[in-house]
Amino acid sequence: MHHFLLEPCPSSAAIWDDTLKVHQLTYDFYSEVSYRQEFDAYCQWYEETAAKHRAEAESMKNDINILGWFCHS
């Protein structure tokens, strides 16, 4: 004599609920990945721009002070 264990089939609402949870989790994960990539790109741009501005400011120190010709102290 064989005894079979019969498990009830999950309701379609439970399957739909699980599917939505997986979808939301996947969406949140890829949103976070996208946010971090954009933030890293922004940080890299900021560092490059700051370095360029520092170099420009350093080169401006050697420029002739034309404004000083017109201002008498």
N, C-alpha and C. Protein backbone atom coordinates (compact mmCIF):
# COMPACT_ATOMS: atom_id res chain seq x y z
N MET A 1 0.85 -1.18 0.00
CA MET A 1 0.00 0.00 0.00
C MET A 1 0.89 1.24 0.00
N HIS A 2 0.62 2.16 -0.91
CA HIS A 2 1.40 3.39 -1.03
C HIS A 2 0.63 4.55 -0.43
N HIS A 3 1.37 5.33 0.34
CA HIS A 3 0.77 6.54 0.91
C HIS A 3 1.42 7.74 0.22
N PHE A 4 0.64 8.56 -0.36
CA PHE A 4 1.12 9.75 -1.04
C PHE A 4 0.83 10.96 -0.18
N LEU A 5 1.80 11.83 -0.13
CA LEU A 5 1.62 13.09 0.60
C LEU A 5 1.10 14.11 -0.39
N LEU A 6 -0.07 14.55 -0.18
CA LEU A 6 -0.67 15.54 -1.06
C LEU A 6 -0.53 16.92 -0.42
N GLU A 7 0.14 17.78 -1.14
CA GLU A 7 0.27 19.15 -0.66
C GLU A 7 -0.68 20.01 -1.44
N PRO A 8 -1.32 20.93 -0.76
CA PRO A 8 -2.25 21.79 -1.48
C PRO A 8 -1.50 22.69 -2.44
N CYS A 9 -2.07 22.91 -3.57
CA CYS A 9 -1.49 23.80 -4.57
C CYS A 9 -1.62 25.24 -4.06
N PRO A 10 -0.54 26.00 -4.12
CA PRO A 10 -0.65 27.39 -3.66
C PRO A 10 -1.67 28.15 -4.50
N SER A 11 -2.36 29.02 -3.85
CA SER A 11 -3.39 29.78 -4.55
C SER A 11 -2.73 30.73 -5.55
N SER A 12 -3.48 31.11 -6.53
CA SER A 12 -2.94 32.03 -7.53
C SER A 12 -2.59 33.38 -6.91
N ALA A 13 -3.29 33.77 -5.85
CA ALA A 13 -2.99 35.03 -5.17
C ALA A 13 -1.60 34.96 -4.52
N ALA A 14 -1.27 33.80 -3.94
CA ALA A 14 0.03 33.65 -3.30
C ALA A 14 1.14 33.66 -4.35
N ILE A 15 0.91 33.02 -5.48
CA ILE A 15 1.90 33.01 -6.56
C ILE A 15 2.08 34.43 -7.09
N TRP A 16 0.99 35.15 -7.29
CA TRP A 16 1.04 36.53 -7.77
C TRP A 16 1.78 37.41 -6.77
N ASP A 17 1.53 37.20 -5.49
CA ASP A 17 2.20 37.96 -4.43
C ASP A 17 3.71 37.73 -4.47
N ASP A 18 4.12 36.47 -4.59
CA ASP A 18 5.55 36.16 -4.66
C ASP A 18 6.18 36.74 -5.91
N THR A 19 5.49 36.69 -7.01
CA THR A 19 6.00 37.23 -8.27
C THR A 19 6.22 38.74 -8.15
N LEU A 20 5.26 39.43 -7.55
CA LEU A 20 5.41 40.88 -7.36
C LEU A 20 6.57 41.21 -6.43
N LYS A 21 6.75 40.40 -5.39
CA LYS A 21 7.86 40.64 -4.46
C LYS A 21 9.20 40.48 -5.17
N VAL A 22 9.32 39.43 -5.99
CA VAL A 22 10.56 39.20 -6.73
C VAL A 22 10.79 40.34 -7.73
N HIS A 23 9.73 40.77 -8.40
CA HIS A 23 9.85 41.87 -9.35
C HIS A 23 10.32 43.15 -8.65
N GLN A 24 9.72 43.46 -7.51
CA GLN A 24 10.08 44.67 -6.77
C GLN A 24 11.53 44.60 -6.29
N LEU A 25 11.94 43.44 -5.80
CA LEU A 25 13.30 43.27 -5.33
C LEU A 25 14.29 43.45 -6.49
N THR A 26 13.97 42.88 -7.64
CA THR A 26 14.83 43.01 -8.82
C THR A 26 14.91 44.47 -9.27
N TYR A 27 13.76 45.15 -9.29
CA TYR A 27 13.72 46.56 -9.67
C TYR A 27 14.56 47.40 -8.72
N ASP A 28 14.40 47.16 -7.42
CA ASP A 28 15.16 47.92 -6.42
C ASP A 28 16.66 47.68 -6.58
N PHE A 29 17.04 46.44 -6.83
CA PHE A 29 18.46 46.12 -7.00
C PHE A 29 19.05 46.88 -8.19
N TYR A 30 18.41 46.80 -9.34
CA TYR A 30 18.94 47.47 -10.52
C TYR A 30 18.88 48.99 -10.40
N SER A 31 17.91 49.51 -9.67
CA SER A 31 17.87 50.95 -9.42
C SER A 31 19.07 51.37 -8.58
N GLU A 32 19.40 50.58 -7.57
CA GLU A 32 20.55 50.88 -6.73
C GLU A 32 21.85 50.80 -7.53
N VAL A 33 21.98 49.79 -8.37
CA VAL A 33 23.17 49.65 -9.22
C VAL A 33 23.31 50.88 -10.12
N SER A 34 22.21 51.29 -10.74
CA SER A 34 22.23 52.45 -11.63
C SER A 34 22.61 53.71 -10.85
N TYR A 35 22.04 53.90 -9.67
CA TYR A 35 22.34 55.07 -8.85
C TYR A 35 23.83 55.11 -8.51
N ARG A 36 24.38 53.97 -8.11
CA ARG A 36 25.79 53.93 -7.73
C ARG A 36 26.71 54.20 -8.93
N GLN A 37 26.34 53.69 -10.09
CA GLN A 37 27.15 53.94 -11.29
C GLN A 37 27.12 55.42 -11.65
N GLU A 38 25.95 56.03 -11.58
CA GLU A 38 25.84 57.46 -11.88
C GLU A 38 26.62 58.29 -10.86
N PHE A 39 26.56 57.89 -9.59
CA PHE A 39 27.28 58.62 -8.55
C PHE A 39 28.79 58.49 -8.75
N ASP A 40 29.25 57.30 -9.10
CA ASP A 40 30.69 57.10 -9.38
C ASP A 40 31.14 57.95 -10.56
N ALA A 41 30.31 58.01 -11.60
CA ALA A 41 30.65 58.82 -12.78
C ALA A 41 30.71 60.30 -12.38
N TYR A 42 29.77 60.75 -11.55
CA TYR A 42 29.77 62.14 -11.09
C TYR A 42 31.02 62.43 -10.26
N CYS A 43 31.38 61.52 -9.37
CA CYS A 43 32.57 61.73 -8.54
C CYS A 43 33.83 61.82 -9.39
N GLN A 44 33.92 60.98 -10.40
CA GLN A 44 35.07 61.01 -11.30
C GLN A 44 35.11 62.34 -12.06
N TRP A 45 33.97 62.79 -12.57
CA TRP A 45 33.90 64.07 -13.27
C TRP A 45 34.31 65.21 -12.33
N TYR A 46 33.82 65.16 -11.10
CA TYR A 46 34.12 66.21 -10.13
C TYR A 46 35.62 66.27 -9.83
N GLU A 47 36.23 65.11 -9.64
CA GLU A 47 37.67 65.07 -9.37
C GLU A 47 38.47 65.63 -10.55
N GLU A 48 38.10 65.26 -11.77
CA GLU A 48 38.79 65.76 -12.96
C GLU A 48 38.63 67.26 -13.10
N THR A 49 37.42 67.76 -12.88
CA THR A 49 37.15 69.20 -12.98
C THR A 49 37.91 69.97 -11.90
N ALA A 50 37.91 69.44 -10.69
CA ALA A 50 38.64 70.11 -9.60
C ALA A 50 40.13 70.16 -9.90
N ALA A 51 40.68 69.08 -10.43
CA ALA A 51 42.11 69.06 -10.77
C ALA A 51 42.41 70.09 -11.86
N LYS A 52 41.53 70.19 -12.84
CA LYS A 52 41.71 71.18 -13.91
C LYS A 52 41.66 72.60 -13.35
N HIS A 53 40.71 72.84 -12.45
CA HIS A 53 40.59 74.18 -11.87
C HIS A 53 41.80 74.52 -11.00
N ARG A 54 42.32 73.53 -10.26
CA ARG A 54 43.53 73.79 -9.46
C ARG A 54 44.71 74.14 -10.37
N ALA A 55 44.83 73.41 -11.49
CA ALA A 55 45.92 73.69 -12.43
C ALA A 55 45.77 75.09 -13.04
N GLU A 56 44.54 75.46 -13.38
CA GLU A 56 44.30 76.80 -13.94
C GLU A 56 44.61 77.88 -12.92
N ALA A 57 44.22 77.66 -11.67
CA ALA A 57 44.49 78.65 -10.61
C ALA A 57 45.99 78.78 -10.39
N GLU A 58 46.70 77.67 -10.44
CA GLU A 58 48.15 77.71 -10.26
C GLU A 58 48.82 78.48 -11.41
N SER A 59 48.35 78.26 -12.64
CA SER A 59 48.94 78.97 -13.78
C SER A 59 48.58 80.46 -13.76
N MET A 60 47.45 80.81 -13.17
CA MET A 60 47.05 82.22 -13.09
C MET A 60 47.92 83.00 -12.11
N LYS A 61 48.56 82.31 -11.18
CA LYS A 61 49.43 83.00 -10.22
C LYS A 61 50.62 83.65 -10.93
N ASN A 62 51.00 83.11 -12.08
CA ASN A 62 52.14 83.65 -12.82
C ASN A 62 51.72 84.71 -13.83
N ASP A 63 50.43 84.96 -13.97
CA ASP A 63 49.97 85.98 -14.92
C ASP A 63 50.29 87.39 -14.39
N ILE A 64 50.35 88.32 -15.31
CA ILE A 64 50.58 89.72 -14.94
C ILE A 64 49.29 90.28 -14.34
N ASN A 65 49.43 91.01 -13.26
CA ASN A 65 48.29 91.60 -12.58
C ASN A 65 47.94 92.93 -13.24
N ILE A 66 47.13 92.88 -14.28
CA ILE A 66 46.76 94.07 -15.02
C ILE A 66 45.88 94.98 -14.18
N LEU A 67 45.01 94.41 -13.39
CA LEU A 67 44.12 95.20 -12.55
C LEU A 67 44.92 96.04 -11.54
N GLY A 68 46.06 95.52 -11.15
CA GLY A 68 46.91 96.25 -10.20
C GLY A 68 47.44 97.55 -10.78
N TRP A 69 47.55 97.67 -12.08
CA TRP A 69 48.01 98.91 -12.72
C TRP A 69 47.02 100.06 -12.51
N PHE A 70 45.74 99.71 -12.40
CA PHE A 70 44.70 100.75 -12.30
C PHE A 70 44.33 101.07 -10.87
N CYS A 71 44.66 100.21 -9.97
CA CYS A 71 44.33 100.43 -8.55
C CYS A 71 45.54 100.98 -7.83
N HIS A 72 45.39 102.16 -7.25
CA HIS A 72 46.49 102.76 -6.50
C HIS A 72 46.13 102.70 -5.04
N SER A 73 47.01 102.13 -4.29
CA SER A 73 46.75 102.03 -2.85
C SER A 73 47.55 103.03 -2.08
